[in-house]
Amino acid sequence: MSPRQNILVLYLSTSALDTPVIGWSRYNGAGEDPPMAGDGNQPPYRTGVDALRDGWRLIQASPLMAPAPGAEFRTDYLKYEFLFEKWVESDAVAADSEQRS
């Protein structure tokens, strides 16, 4: 068994961790459940605080920046991005070593 990192990216409706999730991405470093766009209609957590309560560690939050004049209603990206991680035990290292032999 070897520890592997899982990453969870949550986009929230505001800069506060207790506001609703409006977008998300998951990446599993253990090689299980490969990520796929649109793999669910419901976010994995209701809020960022819910992810913290489930053991995810917050490692980055988006800086707060005022929109440029005239760009207040621009919708080309989600600006309240929060990056979480969780470490899990995995047999992936053993399987990788066996495949190389």
PDB file of N, CA and C in Angstrom:
ATOM      1  N   MET A   1       0.848  -1.184   0.000  1.00  0.00           N
ATOM      2  CA  MET A   1       0.000   0.000   0.000  1.00  0.00           C
ATOM      3  C   MET A   1       0.888   1.240   0.000  1.00  0.00           C
ATOM      4  N   SER A   2       0.478   2.209  -0.761  1.00  0.00           N
ATOM      5  CA  SER A   2       1.231   3.449  -0.862  1.00  0.00           C
ATOM      6  C   SER A   2       0.247   4.620  -0.876  1.00  0.00           C
ATOM      7  N   PRO A   3       0.564   5.721  -0.196  1.00  0.00           N
ATOM      8  CA  PRO A   3      -0.361   6.854  -0.201  1.00  0.00           C
ATOM      9  C   PRO A   3      -0.380   7.553  -1.560  1.00  0.00           C
ATOM     10  N   ARG A   4      -1.555   7.920  -1.996  1.00  0.00           N
ATOM     11  CA  ARG A   4      -1.747   8.647  -3.247  1.00  0.00           C
ATOM     12  C   ARG A   4      -2.651   9.839  -2.981  1.00  0.00           C
ATOM     13  N   GLN A   5      -2.419  10.903  -3.727  1.00  0.00           N
ATOM     14  CA  GLN A   5      -3.160  12.155  -3.541  1.00  0.00           C
ATOM     15  C   GLN A   5      -4.394  12.192  -4.433  1.00  0.00           C
ATOM     16  N   ASN A   6      -5.522  12.572  -3.842  1.00  0.00           N
ATOM     17  CA  ASN A   6      -6.736  12.874  -4.589  1.00  0.00           C
ATOM     18  C   ASN A   6      -6.933  14.381  -4.552  1.00  0.00           C
ATOM     19  N   ILE A   7      -7.383  14.948  -5.656  1.00  0.00           N
ATOM     20  CA  ILE A   7      -7.604  16.392  -5.761  1.00  0.00           C
ATOM     21  C   ILE A   7      -9.081  16.633  -6.054  1.00  0.00           C
ATOM     22  N   LEU A   8      -9.625  17.621  -5.376  1.00  0.00           N
ATOM     23  CA  LEU A   8     -11.009  18.047  -5.583  1.00  0.00           C
ATOM     24  C   LEU A   8     -10.999  19.552  -5.805  1.00  0.00           C
ATOM     25  N   VAL A   9     -11.519  19.996  -6.937  1.00  0.00           N
ATOM     26  CA  VAL A   9     -11.624  21.416  -7.238  1.00  0.00           C
ATOM     27  C   VAL A   9     -13.092  21.782  -7.164  1.00  0.00           C
ATOM     28  N   LEU A  10     -13.419  22.694  -6.264  1.00  0.00           N
ATOM     29  CA  LEU A  10     -14.798  23.165  -6.133  1.00  0.00           C
ATOM     30  C   LEU A  10     -14.870  24.626  -6.527  1.00  0.00           C
ATOM     31  N   TYR A  11     -15.862  24.965  -7.334  1.00  0.00           N
ATOM     32  CA  TYR A  11     -16.152  26.347  -7.677  1.00  0.00           C
ATOM     33  C   TYR A  11     -17.402  26.729  -6.904  1.00  0.00           C
ATOM     34  N   LEU A  12     -17.283  27.739  -6.056  1.00  0.00           N
ATOM     35  CA  LEU A  12     -18.393  28.148  -5.201  1.00  0.00           C
ATOM     36  C   LEU A  12     -19.059  29.395  -5.756  1.00  0.00           C
ATOM     37  N   SER A  13     -20.264  29.671  -5.288  1.00  0.00           N
ATOM     38  CA  SER A  13     -21.024  30.815  -5.803  1.00  0.00           C
ATOM     39  C   SER A  13     -20.472  32.153  -5.328  1.00  0.00           C
ATOM     40  N   THR A  14     -19.720  32.159  -4.211  1.00  0.00           N
ATOM     41  CA  THR A  14     -19.050  33.379  -3.736  1.00  0.00           C
ATOM     42  C   THR A  14     -17.699  32.968  -3.153  1.00  0.00           C
ATOM     43  N   SER A  15     -17.015  33.912  -2.554  1.00  0.00           N
ATOM     44  CA  SER A  15     -15.705  33.634  -1.970  1.00  0.00           C
ATOM     45  C   SER A  15     -15.785  32.956  -0.604  1.00  0.00           C
ATOM     46  N   ALA A  16     -16.972  32.761  -0.064  1.00  0.00           N
ATOM     47  CA  ALA A  16     -17.146  32.147   1.251  1.00  0.00           C
ATOM     48  C   ALA A  16     -17.257  30.626   1.130  1.00  0.00           C
ATOM     49  N   LEU A  17     -16.556  29.899   1.985  1.00  0.00           N
ATOM     50  CA  LEU A  17     -16.560  28.435   1.939  1.00  0.00           C
ATOM     51  C   LEU A  17     -17.914  27.801   2.241  1.00  0.00           C
ATOM     52  N   ASP A  18     -18.815  28.563   2.853  1.00  0.00           N
ATOM     53  CA  ASP A  18     -20.115  27.984   3.206  1.00  0.00           C
ATOM     54  C   ASP A  18     -21.204  28.307   2.183  1.00  0.00           C
ATOM     55  N   THR A  19     -20.808  28.689   0.964  1.00  0.00           N
ATOM     56  CA  THR A  19     -21.791  28.950  -0.093  1.00  0.00           C
ATOM     57  C   THR A  19     -21.870  27.761  -1.050  1.00  0.00           C
ATOM     58  N   PRO A  20     -22.935  27.660  -1.829  1.00  0.00           N
ATOM     59  CA  PRO A  20     -23.156  26.482  -2.683  1.00  0.00           C
ATOM     60  C   PRO A  20     -22.081  26.247  -3.747  1.00  0.00           C
ATOM     61  N   VAL A  21     -21.824  24.971  -4.012  1.00  0.00           N
ATOM     62  CA  VAL A  21     -20.932  24.549  -5.093  1.00  0.00           C
ATOM     63  C   VAL A  21     -21.686  24.701  -6.410  1.00  0.00           C
ATOM     64  N   ILE A  22     -21.038  25.344  -7.398  1.00  0.00           N
ATOM     65  CA  ILE A  22     -21.675  25.510  -8.713  1.00  0.00           C
ATOM     66  C   ILE A  22     -20.922  24.774  -9.825  1.00  0.00           C
ATOM     67  N   GLY A  23     -19.735  24.275  -9.509  1.00  0.00           N
ATOM     68  CA  GLY A  23     -18.955  23.508 -10.476  1.00  0.00           C
ATOM     69  C   GLY A  23     -17.889  22.721  -9.728  1.00  0.00           C
ATOM     70  N   TRP A  24     -17.392  21.636 -10.340  1.00  0.00           N
ATOM     71  CA  TRP A  24     -16.413  20.808  -9.647  1.00  0.00           C
ATOM     72  C   TRP A  24     -15.653  19.927 -10.623  1.00  0.00           C
ATOM     73  N   SER A  25     -14.469  19.490 -10.175  1.00  0.00           N
ATOM     74  CA  SER A  25     -13.645  18.509 -10.886  1.00  0.00           C
ATOM     75  C   SER A  25     -12.988  17.626  -9.841  1.00  0.00           C
ATOM     76  N   ARG A  26     -12.814  16.344 -10.178  1.00  0.00           N
ATOM     77  CA  ARG A  26     -12.153  15.408  -9.277  1.00  0.00           C
ATOM     78  C   ARG A  26     -11.042  14.692 -10.029  1.00  0.00           C
ATOM     79  N   TYR A  27      -9.922  14.453  -9.329  1.00  0.00           N
ATOM     80  CA  TYR A  27      -8.788  13.742  -9.904  1.00  0.00           C
ATOM     81  C   TYR A  27      -8.288  12.745  -8.869  1.00  0.00           C
ATOM     82  N   ASN A  28      -8.264  11.469  -9.251  1.00  0.00           N
ATOM     83  CA  ASN A  28      -7.921  10.402  -8.321  1.00  0.00           C
ATOM     84  C   ASN A  28      -6.523   9.890  -8.623  1.00  0.00           C
ATOM     85  N   GLY A  29      -5.555  10.234  -7.766  1.00  0.00           N
ATOM     86  CA  GLY A  29      -4.174   9.808  -7.949  1.00  0.00           C
ATOM     87  C   GLY A  29      -3.955   8.325  -7.724  1.00  0.00           C
ATOM     88  N   ALA A  30      -4.932   7.645  -7.162  1.00  0.00           N
ATOM     89  CA  ALA A  30      -4.819   6.202  -6.939  1.00  0.00           C
ATOM     90  C   ALA A  30      -5.185   5.418  -8.190  1.00  0.00           C
ATOM     91  N   GLY A  31      -5.627   6.102  -9.238  1.00  0.00           N
ATOM     92  CA  GLY A  31      -5.949   5.427 -10.483  1.00  0.00           C
ATOM     93  C   GLY A  31      -7.337   4.831 -10.535  1.00  0.00           C
ATOM     94  N   GLU A  32      -8.117   5.019  -9.499  1.00  0.00           N
ATOM     95  CA  GLU A  32      -9.484   4.507  -9.476  1.00  0.00           C
ATOM     96  C   GLU A  32     -10.434   5.600  -9.921  1.00  0.00           C
ATOM     97  N   ASP A  33     -11.553   5.243 -10.484  1.00  0.00           N
ATOM     98  CA  ASP A  33     -12.566   6.205 -10.904  1.00  0.00           C
ATOM     99  C   ASP A  33     -11.964   7.338 -11.724  1.00  0.00           C
ATOM    100  N   PRO A  34     -11.519   7.078 -12.965  1.00  0.00           N
ATOM    101  CA  PRO A  34     -10.930   8.140 -13.770  1.00  0.00           C
ATOM    102  C   PRO A  34     -11.921   9.291 -13.949  1.00  0.00           C
ATOM    103  N   PRO A  35     -11.422  10.534 -13.932  1.00  0.00           N
ATOM    104  CA  PRO A  35     -12.336  11.676 -14.066  1.00  0.00           C
ATOM    105  C   PRO A  35     -12.973  11.725 -15.449  1.00  0.00           C
ATOM    106  N   MET A  36     -14.198  12.181 -15.486  1.00  0.00           N
ATOM    107  CA  MET A  36     -14.902  12.316 -16.750  1.00  0.00           C
ATOM    108  C   MET A  36     -15.804  13.537 -16.651  1.00  0.00           C
ATOM    109  N   ALA A  37     -15.737  14.400 -17.630  1.00  0.00           N
ATOM    110  CA  ALA A  37     -16.572  15.592 -17.631  1.00  0.00           C
ATOM    111  C   ALA A  37     -18.041  15.193 -17.620  1.00  0.00           C
ATOM    112  N   GLY A  38     -18.813  15.881 -16.790  1.00  0.00           N
ATOM    113  CA  GLY A  38     -20.244  15.621 -16.733  1.00  0.00           C
ATOM    114  C   GLY A  38     -20.599  14.285 -16.131  1.00  0.00           C
ATOM    115  N   ASP A  39     -19.754  13.761 -15.229  1.00  0.00           N
ATOM    116  CA  ASP A  39     -20.030  12.438 -14.673  1.00  0.00           C
ATOM    117  C   ASP A  39     -21.108  12.429 -13.604  1.00  0.00           C
ATOM    118  N   GLY A  40     -21.707  13.560 -13.338  1.00  0.00           N
ATOM    119  CA  GLY A  40     -22.797  13.608 -12.369  1.00  0.00           C
ATOM    120  C   GLY A  40     -23.522  14.940 -12.414  1.00  0.00           C
ATOM    121  N   ASN A  41     -24.788  14.906 -12.079  1.00  0.00           N
ATOM    122  CA  ASN A  41     -25.579  16.130 -12.055  1.00  0.00           C
ATOM    123  C   ASN A  41     -25.508  16.852 -10.726  1.00  0.00           C
ATOM    124  N   GLN A  42     -25.117  16.140  -9.683  1.00  0.00           N
ATOM    125  CA  GLN A  42     -25.052  16.709  -8.344  1.00  0.00           C
ATOM    126  C   GLN A  42     -23.600  16.878  -7.920  1.00  0.00           C
ATOM    127  N   PRO A  43     -23.263  18.012  -7.310  1.00  0.00           N
ATOM    128  CA  PRO A  43     -21.886  18.182  -6.836  1.00  0.00           C
ATOM    129  C   PRO A  43     -21.566  17.177  -5.732  1.00  0.00           C
ATOM    130  N   PRO A  44     -20.292  16.861  -5.541  1.00  0.00           N
ATOM    131  CA  PRO A  44     -19.918  15.890  -4.514  1.00  0.00           C
ATOM    132  C   PRO A  44     -20.187  16.407  -3.096  1.00  0.00           C
ATOM    133  N   TYR A  45     -20.251  17.717  -2.942  1.00  0.00           N
ATOM    134  CA  TYR A  45     -20.554  18.351  -1.648  1.00  0.00           C
ATOM    135  C   TYR A  45     -21.434  19.561  -1.899  1.00  0.00           C
ATOM    136  N   ARG A  46     -22.242  19.906  -0.918  1.00  0.00           N
ATOM    137  CA  ARG A  46     -23.116  21.070  -1.027  1.00  0.00           C
ATOM    138  C   ARG A  46     -22.327  22.370  -0.927  1.00  0.00           C
ATOM    139  N   THR A  47     -21.313  22.397  -0.035  1.00  0.00           N
ATOM    140  CA  THR A  47     -20.478  23.581   0.183  1.00  0.00           C
ATOM    141  C   THR A  47     -19.029  23.147   0.370  1.00  0.00           C
ATOM    142  N   GLY A  48     -18.132  24.117   0.394  1.00  0.00           N
ATOM    143  CA  GLY A  48     -16.738  23.827   0.697  1.00  0.00           C
ATOM    144  C   GLY A  48     -16.558  23.346   2.125  1.00  0.00           C
ATOM    145  N   VAL A  49     -17.342  23.870   3.047  1.00  0.00           N
ATOM    146  CA  VAL A  49     -17.267  23.444   4.442  1.00  0.00           C
ATOM    147  C   VAL A  49     -17.626  21.965   4.564  1.00  0.00           C
ATOM    148  N   ASP A  50     -18.587  21.497   3.782  1.00  0.00           N
ATOM    149  CA  ASP A  50     -18.956  20.075   3.810  1.00  0.00           C
ATOM    150  C   ASP A  50     -17.770  19.199   3.387  1.00  0.00           C
ATOM    151  N   ALA A  51     -16.981  19.658   2.409  1.00  0.00           N
ATOM    152  CA  ALA A  51     -15.795  18.910   1.994  1.00  0.00           C
ATOM    153  C   ALA A  51     -14.774  18.859   3.135  1.00  0.00           C
ATOM    154  N   LEU A  52     -14.601  19.976   3.842  1.00  0.00           N
ATOM    155  CA  LEU A  52     -13.689  19.991   4.987  1.00  0.00           C
ATOM    156  C   LEU A  52     -14.137  19.003   6.054  1.00  0.00           C
ATOM    157  N   ARG A  53     -15.425  18.962   6.310  1.00  0.00           N
ATOM    158  CA  ARG A  53     -15.961  18.056   7.332  1.00  0.00           C
ATOM    159  C   ARG A  53     -15.773  16.590   6.955  1.00  0.00           C
ATOM    160  N   ASP A  54     -15.640  16.315   5.642  1.00  0.00           N
ATOM    161  CA  ASP A  54     -15.439  14.947   5.178  1.00  0.00           C
ATOM    162  C   ASP A  54     -13.952  14.574   5.090  1.00  0.00           C
ATOM    163  N   GLY A  55     -13.080  15.452   5.565  1.00  0.00           N
ATOM    164  CA  GLY A  55     -11.663  15.118   5.613  1.00  0.00           C
ATOM    165  C   GLY A  55     -10.801  15.708   4.517  1.00  0.00           C
ATOM    166  N   TRP A  56     -11.383  16.450   3.578  1.00  0.00           N
ATOM    167  CA  TRP A  56     -10.586  17.112   2.553  1.00  0.00           C
ATOM    168  C   TRP A  56      -9.860  18.291   3.172  1.00  0.00           C
ATOM    169  N   ARG A  57      -8.627  18.515   2.743  1.00  0.00           N
ATOM    170  CA  ARG A  57      -7.817  19.628   3.240  1.00  0.00           C
ATOM    171  C   ARG A  57      -7.802  20.729   2.192  1.00  0.00           C
ATOM    172  N   LEU A  58      -8.112  21.942   2.605  1.00  0.00           N
ATOM    173  CA  LEU A  58      -8.071  23.093   1.700  1.00  0.00           C
ATOM    174  C   LEU A  58      -6.624  23.504   1.513  1.00  0.00           C
ATOM    175  N   ILE A  59      -6.157  23.555   0.260  1.00  0.00           N
ATOM    176  CA  ILE A  59      -4.780  23.951   0.024  1.00  0.00           C
ATOM    177  C   ILE A  59      -4.661  25.233  -0.797  1.00  0.00           C
ATOM    178  N   GLN A  60      -5.753  25.685  -1.409  1.00  0.00           N
ATOM    179  CA  GLN A  60      -5.690  26.934  -2.151  1.00  0.00           C
ATOM    180  C   GLN A  60      -7.082  27.506  -2.336  1.00  0.00           C
ATOM    181  N   ALA A  61      -7.183  28.806  -2.181  1.00  0.00           N
ATOM    182  CA  ALA A  61      -8.420  29.527  -2.468  1.00  0.00           C
ATOM    183  C   ALA A  61      -8.081  30.643  -3.445  1.00  0.00           C
ATOM    184  N   SER A  62      -9.017  31.000  -4.284  1.00  0.00           N
ATOM    185  CA  SER A  62      -8.789  32.049  -5.274  1.00  0.00           C
ATOM    186  C   SER A  62      -8.629  33.404  -4.607  1.00  0.00           C
ATOM    187  N   PRO A  63      -7.722  34.209  -5.133  1.00  0.00           N
ATOM    188  CA  PRO A  63      -7.605  35.571  -4.606  1.00  0.00           C
ATOM    189  C   PRO A  63      -8.833  36.379  -5.010  1.00  0.00           C
ATOM    190  N   LEU A  64      -9.211  37.307  -4.176  1.00  0.00           N
ATOM    191  CA  LEU A  64     -10.343  38.163  -4.495  1.00  0.00           C
ATOM    192  C   LEU A  64      -9.852  39.343  -5.326  1.00  0.00           C
ATOM    193  N   MET A  65     -10.423  39.475  -6.520  1.00  0.00           N
ATOM    194  CA  MET A  65     -10.044  40.572  -7.404  1.00  0.00           C
ATOM    195  C   MET A  65     -11.313  41.210  -7.950  1.00  0.00           C
ATOM    196  N   ALA A  66     -11.330  42.520  -7.936  1.00  0.00           N
ATOM    197  CA  ALA A  66     -12.471  43.241  -8.500  1.00  0.00           C
ATOM    198  C   ALA A  66     -12.431  43.112 -10.017  1.00  0.00           C
ATOM    199  N   PRO A  67     -13.604  43.002 -10.649  1.00  0.00           N
ATOM    200  CA  PRO A  67     -13.617  42.920 -12.108  1.00  0.00           C
ATOM    201  C   PRO A  67     -13.166  44.242 -12.726  1.00  0.00           C
ATOM    202  N   ALA A  68     -12.576  44.147 -13.884  1.00  0.00           N
ATOM    203  CA  ALA A  68     -12.186  45.353 -14.618  1.00  0.00           C
ATOM    204  C   ALA A  68     -13.445  46.126 -15.013  1.00  0.00           C
ATOM    205  N   PRO A  69     -13.376  47.432 -15.061  1.00  0.00           N
ATOM    206  CA  PRO A  69     -14.553  48.208 -15.479  1.00  0.00           C
ATOM    207  C   PRO A  69     -15.074  47.725 -16.827  1.00  0.00           C
ATOM    208  N   GLY A  70     -16.369  47.452 -16.876  1.00  0.00           N
ATOM    209  CA  GLY A  70     -17.006  46.959 -18.094  1.00  0.00           C
ATOM    210  C   GLY A  70     -17.073  45.444 -18.167  1.00  0.00           C
ATOM    211  N   ALA A  71     -16.395  44.735 -17.260  1.00  0.00           N
ATOM    212  CA  ALA A  71     -16.377  43.265 -17.295  1.00  0.00           C
ATOM    213  C   ALA A  71     -17.141  42.662 -16.120  1.00  0.00           C
ATOM    214  N   GLU A  72     -18.001  43.427 -15.496  1.00  0.00           N
ATOM    215  CA  GLU A  72     -18.725  42.956 -14.314  1.00  0.00           C
ATOM    216  C   GLU A  72     -19.605  41.751 -14.578  1.00  0.00           C
ATOM    217  N   PHE A  73     -20.102  41.601 -15.799  1.00  0.00           N
ATOM    218  CA  PHE A  73     -21.035  40.514 -16.115  1.00  0.00           C
ATOM    219  C   PHE A  73     -20.437  39.488 -17.065  1.00  0.00           C
ATOM    220  N   ARG A  74     -19.140  39.438 -17.158  1.00  0.00           N
ATOM    221  CA  ARG A  74     -18.447  38.475 -18.002  1.00  0.00           C
ATOM    222  C   ARG A  74     -18.574  37.082 -17.391  1.00  0.00           C
ATOM    223  N   THR A  75     -18.825  36.080 -18.214  1.00  0.00           N
ATOM    224  CA  THR A  75     -19.061  34.722 -17.691  1.00  0.00           C
ATOM    225  C   THR A  75     -18.116  33.684 -18.285  1.00  0.00           C
ATOM    226  N   ASP A  76     -16.914  34.074 -18.654  1.00  0.00           N
ATOM    227  CA  ASP A  76     -16.028  33.129 -19.323  1.00  0.00           C
ATOM    228  C   ASP A  76     -15.293  32.178 -18.386  1.00  0.00           C
ATOM    229  N   TYR A  77     -15.305  32.403 -17.094  1.00  0.00           N
ATOM    230  CA  TYR A  77     -14.685  31.479 -16.161  1.00  0.00           C
ATOM    231  C   TYR A  77     -15.355  31.605 -14.793  1.00  0.00           C
ATOM    232  N   LEU A  78     -15.170  30.596 -13.979  1.00  0.00           N
ATOM    233  CA  LEU A  78     -15.712  30.616 -12.618  1.00  0.00           C
ATOM    234  C   LEU A  78     -14.600  31.120 -11.702  1.00  0.00           C
ATOM    235  N   LYS A  79     -14.854  32.199 -10.974  1.00  0.00           N
ATOM    236  CA  LYS A  79     -13.746  32.830 -10.256  1.00  0.00           C
ATOM    237  C   LYS A  79     -13.555  32.405  -8.813  1.00  0.00           C
ATOM    238  N   TYR A  80     -14.462  31.700  -8.199  1.00  0.00           N
ATOM    239  CA  TYR A  80     -14.288  31.309  -6.805  1.00  0.00           C
ATOM    240  C   TYR A  80     -13.883  29.836  -6.727  1.00  0.00           C
ATOM    241  N   GLU A  81     -12.625  29.577  -7.066  1.00  0.00           N
ATOM    242  CA  GLU A  81     -12.085  28.226  -7.129  1.00  0.00           C
ATOM    243  C   GLU A  81     -11.370  27.870  -5.830  1.00  0.00           C
ATOM    244  N   PHE A  82     -11.689  26.698  -5.298  1.00  0.00           N
ATOM    245  CA  PHE A  82     -11.058  26.194  -4.079  1.00  0.00           C
ATOM    246  C   PHE A  82     -10.483  24.819  -4.378  1.00  0.00           C
ATOM    247  N   LEU A  83      -9.234  24.619  -4.015  1.00  0.00           N
ATOM    248  CA  LEU A  83      -8.535  23.379  -4.306  1.00  0.00           C
ATOM    249  C   LEU A  83      -8.339  22.597  -3.007  1.00  0.00           C
ATOM    250  N   PHE A  84      -8.819  21.345  -3.004  1.00  0.00           N
ATOM    251  CA  PHE A  84      -8.745  20.475  -1.831  1.00  0.00           C
ATOM    252  C   PHE A  84      -7.923  19.235  -2.172  1.00  0.00           C
ATOM    253  N   GLU A  85      -7.359  18.610  -1.138  1.00  0.00           N
ATOM    254  CA  GLU A  85      -6.664  17.343  -1.331  1.00  0.00           C
ATOM    255  C   GLU A  85      -7.036  16.377  -0.214  1.00  0.00           C
ATOM    256  N   LYS A  86      -6.908  15.101  -0.543  1.00  0.00           N
ATOM    257  CA  LYS A  86      -7.085  14.033   0.447  1.00  0.00           C
ATOM    258  C   LYS A  86      -6.123  12.923   0.051  1.00  0.00           C
ATOM    259  N   TRP A  87      -5.429  12.362   1.032  1.00  0.00           N
ATOM    260  CA  TRP A  87      -4.510  11.259   0.780  1.00  0.00           C
ATOM    261  C   TRP A  87      -5.202   9.938   1.086  1.00  0.00           C
ATOM    262  N   VAL A  88      -5.058   8.975   0.174  1.00  0.00           N
ATOM    263  CA  VAL A  88      -5.663   7.654   0.333  1.00  0.00           C
ATOM    264  C   VAL A  88      -4.591   6.589   0.121  1.00  0.00           C
ATOM    265  N   GLU A  89      -4.788   5.437   0.733  1.00  0.00           N
ATOM    266  CA  GLU A  89      -3.887   4.307   0.524  1.00  0.00           C
ATOM    267  C   GLU A  89      -4.276   3.601  -0.774  1.00  0.00           C
ATOM    268  N   SER A  90      -3.275   3.144  -1.531  1.00  0.00           N
ATOM    269  CA  SER A  90      -3.553   2.521  -2.819  1.00  0.00           C
ATOM    270  C   SER A  90      -2.551   1.409  -3.110  1.00  0.00           C
ATOM    271  N   ASP A  91      -3.004   0.423  -3.858  1.00  0.00           N
ATOM    272  CA  ASP A  91      -2.136  -0.643  -4.339  1.00  0.00           C
ATOM    273  C   ASP A  91      -1.562  -0.303  -5.708  1.00  0.00           C
ATOM    274  N   ALA A  92      -1.789   0.916  -6.190  1.00  0.00           N
ATOM    275  CA  ALA A  92      -1.376   1.298  -7.538  1.00  0.00           C
ATOM    276  C   ALA A  92       0.128   1.169  -7.740  1.00  0.00           C
ATOM    277  N   VAL A  93       0.936   1.466  -6.736  1.00  0.00           N
ATOM    278  CA  VAL A  93       2.392   1.359  -6.866  1.00  0.00           C
ATOM    279  C   VAL A  93       2.797  -0.086  -7.108  1.00  0.00           C
ATOM    280  N   ALA A  94       2.217  -1.008  -6.358  1.00  0.00           N
ATOM    281  CA  ALA A  94       2.530  -2.426  -6.540  1.00  0.00           C
ATOM    282  C   ALA A  94       2.124  -2.888  -7.935  1.00  0.00           C
ATOM    283  N   ALA A  95       0.958  -2.473  -8.395  1.00  0.00           N
ATOM    284  CA  ALA A  95       0.490  -2.860  -9.733  1.00  0.00           C
ATOM    285  C   ALA A  95       1.387  -2.265 -10.800  1.00  0.00           C
ATOM    286  N   ASP A  96       1.814  -1.013 -10.644  1.00  0.00           N
ATOM    287  CA  ASP A  96       2.720  -0.387 -11.616  1.00  0.00           C
ATOM    288  C   ASP A  96       4.042  -1.131 -11.682  1.00  0.00           C
ATOM    289  N   SER A  97       4.582  -1.524 -10.530  1.00  0.00           N
ATOM    290  CA  SER A  97       5.859  -2.243 -10.481  1.00  0.00           C
ATOM    291  C   SER A  97       5.757  -3.595 -11.174  1.00  0.00           C
ATOM    292  N   GLU A  98       4.648  -4.299 -10.981  1.00  0.00           N
ATOM    293  CA  GLU A  98       4.445  -5.606 -11.601  1.00  0.00           C
ATOM    294  C   GLU A  98       4.349  -5.491 -13.107  1.00  0.00           C
ATOM    295  N   GLN A  99       3.704  -4.446 -13.619  1.00  0.00           N
ATOM    296  CA  GLN A  99       3.555  -4.265 -15.057  1.00  0.00           C
ATOM    297  C   GLN A  99       4.889  -3.972 -15.716  1.00  0.00           C
ATOM    298  N   ARG A 100       5.795  -3.289 -15.032  1.00  0.00           N
ATOM    299  CA  ARG A 100       7.114  -2.944 -15.599  1.00  0.00           C
ATOM    300  C   ARG A 100       8.051  -4.136 -15.612  1.00  0.00           C
ATOM    301  N   SER A 101       7.789  -5.142 -14.780  1.00  0.00           N
ATOM    302  CA  SER A 101       8.697  -6.311 -14.676  1.00  0.00           C
ATOM    303  C   SER A 101       8.553  -7.235 -15.860  1.00  0.00           C
TER     304      SER A 101
END
